[in-house]
C-alpha atoms as a PDB file:
ATOM      1  CA  ARG A   1      -5.814  -7.958  -7.623  1.00  0.00           C
ATOM      2  CA  GLN A   2      -4.532  -4.412  -7.854  1.00  0.00           C
ATOM      3  CA  ARG A   3      -1.342  -3.244  -9.491  1.00  0.00           C
ATOM      4  CA  VAL A   4       0.764  -0.548  -7.876  1.00  0.00           C
ATOM      5  CA  ASP A   5       3.776   0.701  -9.771  1.00  0.00           C
ATOM      6  CA  TYR A   6       7.046   1.058  -7.952  1.00  0.00           C
ATOM      7  CA  SER A   7       8.102   4.242  -6.309  1.00  0.00           C
ATOM      8  CA  VAL A   8      11.629   5.531  -5.836  1.00  0.00           C
ATOM      9  CA  ASP A   9      10.661   8.199  -3.306  1.00  0.00           C
ATOM     10  CA  SER A  10      11.724   6.596  -0.020  1.00  0.00           C
ATOM     11  CA  GLY A  11       9.602   3.523  -0.765  1.00  0.00           C
ATOM     12  CA  ARG A  12       6.325   5.431  -0.888  1.00  0.00           C
ATOM     13  CA  VAL A  13       3.457   4.177  -3.016  1.00  0.00           C
ATOM     14  CA  PHE A  14       0.009   5.539  -3.823  1.00  0.00           C
ATOM     15  CA  ILE A  15      -2.890   3.092  -3.828  1.00  0.00           C
ATOM     16  CA  THR A  16      -6.437   4.017  -4.770  1.00  0.00           C
ATOM     17  CA  ASP A  17      -9.588   2.688  -3.104  1.00  0.00           C
ATOM     18  CA  VAL A  18      -8.064   0.459  -0.462  1.00  0.00           C
ATOM     19  CA  GLY A  19     -10.787  -1.054   1.655  1.00  0.00           C
ATOM     20  CA  ASP A  20     -10.922  -3.743   4.316  1.00  0.00           C
ATOM     21  CA  ASN A  21      -7.115  -4.066   4.392  1.00  0.00           C
ATOM     22  CA  PRO A  22      -6.492  -6.244   1.339  1.00  0.00           C
ATOM     23  CA  ALA A  23      -3.202  -8.095   1.094  1.00  0.00           C
ATOM     24  CA  LEU A  24      -0.434  -5.964  -0.388  1.00  0.00           C
ATOM     25  CA  TYR A  25       2.762  -7.490  -1.785  1.00  0.00           C
ATOM     26  CA  ALA A  26       6.014  -6.106  -3.134  1.00  0.00           C
ATOM     27  CA  ALA A  27       7.018  -7.837  -6.367  1.00  0.00           C
ATOM     28  CA  ASP A  28       9.917  -7.711  -8.790  1.00  0.00           C
ATOM     29  CA  ASP A  29       9.674  -6.907 -12.511  1.00  0.00           C
ATOM     30  CA  ASP A  30       8.685 -10.537 -13.236  1.00  0.00           C
ATOM     31  CA  MET A  31       5.831 -10.298 -10.693  1.00  0.00           C
ATOM     32  CA  ASN A  32       7.546 -12.654  -8.248  1.00  0.00           C
ATOM     33  CA  ARG A  33       6.419 -11.773  -4.731  1.00  0.00           C
ATOM     34  CA  LEU A  34       9.251 -10.499  -2.565  1.00  0.00           C
ATOM     35  CA  CYS A  35       7.340  -9.893   0.655  1.00  0.00           C
ATOM     36  CA  ARG A  36       3.961  -9.010   2.091  1.00  0.00           C
ATOM     37  CA  ILE A  37       3.509  -5.439   3.256  1.00  0.00           C
ATOM     38  CA  HIS A  38       1.651  -5.331   6.560  1.00  0.00           C
ATOM     39  CA  TYR A  39      -0.167  -2.070   7.251  1.00  0.00           C
ATOM     40  CA  THR A  40      -3.126  -0.731   9.218  1.00  0.00           C
ATOM     41  CA  LEU A  41      -5.515   1.992   8.116  1.00  0.00           C
ATOM     42  CA  GLN A  42      -7.002   4.432  10.612  1.00  0.00           C
ATOM     43  CA  LYS A  43     -10.427   3.476  11.940  1.00  0.00           C
ATOM     44  CA  THR A  44     -11.898   6.887  11.167  1.00  0.00           C
ATOM     45  CA  GLN A  45     -11.458   8.815   7.940  1.00  0.00           C
ATOM     46  CA  ASP A  46     -10.869  12.539   7.597  1.00  0.00           C
ATOM     47  CA  LYS A  47     -13.554  13.500   5.086  1.00  0.00           C
ATOM     48  CA  GLU A  48     -11.674  16.750   4.315  1.00  0.00           C
ATOM     49  CA  ALA A  49      -8.399  15.006   3.416  1.00  0.00           C
ATOM     50  CA  PHE A  50      -7.504  14.130  -0.169  1.00  0.00           C
ATOM     51  CA  TYR A  51      -5.797  10.927   0.958  1.00  0.00           C
ATOM     52  CA  GLU A  52      -4.892   8.900   4.038  1.00  0.00           C
ATOM     53  CA  THR A  53      -1.446   7.762   5.060  1.00  0.00           C
ATOM     54  CA  ALA A  54      -0.340   4.482   6.578  1.00  0.00           C
ATOM     55  CA  LYS A  55       3.048   3.000   7.345  1.00  0.00           C
ATOM     56  CA  GLY A  56       3.804  -0.526   6.258  1.00  0.00           C
ATOM     57  CA  VAL A  57       6.461  -3.132   6.953  1.00  0.00           C
ATOM     58  CA  CYS A  58       7.652  -5.549   4.283  1.00  0.00           C
ATOM     59  CA  GLN A  59       8.049  -9.027   5.820  1.00  0.00           C
END
């Protein structure tokens, strides 16, 4: 289980060390799950990049 704090910048979040597409959920302040965020990471990594980006949909 990994905690990600909320972000107010257009719904963007930063997650460290995501591997094998673990389940990601949005939750309220009481840790009640609001939805699951479905996302897909790129198959190849850019070794020169500081981070990767992925778009997700909360369902």
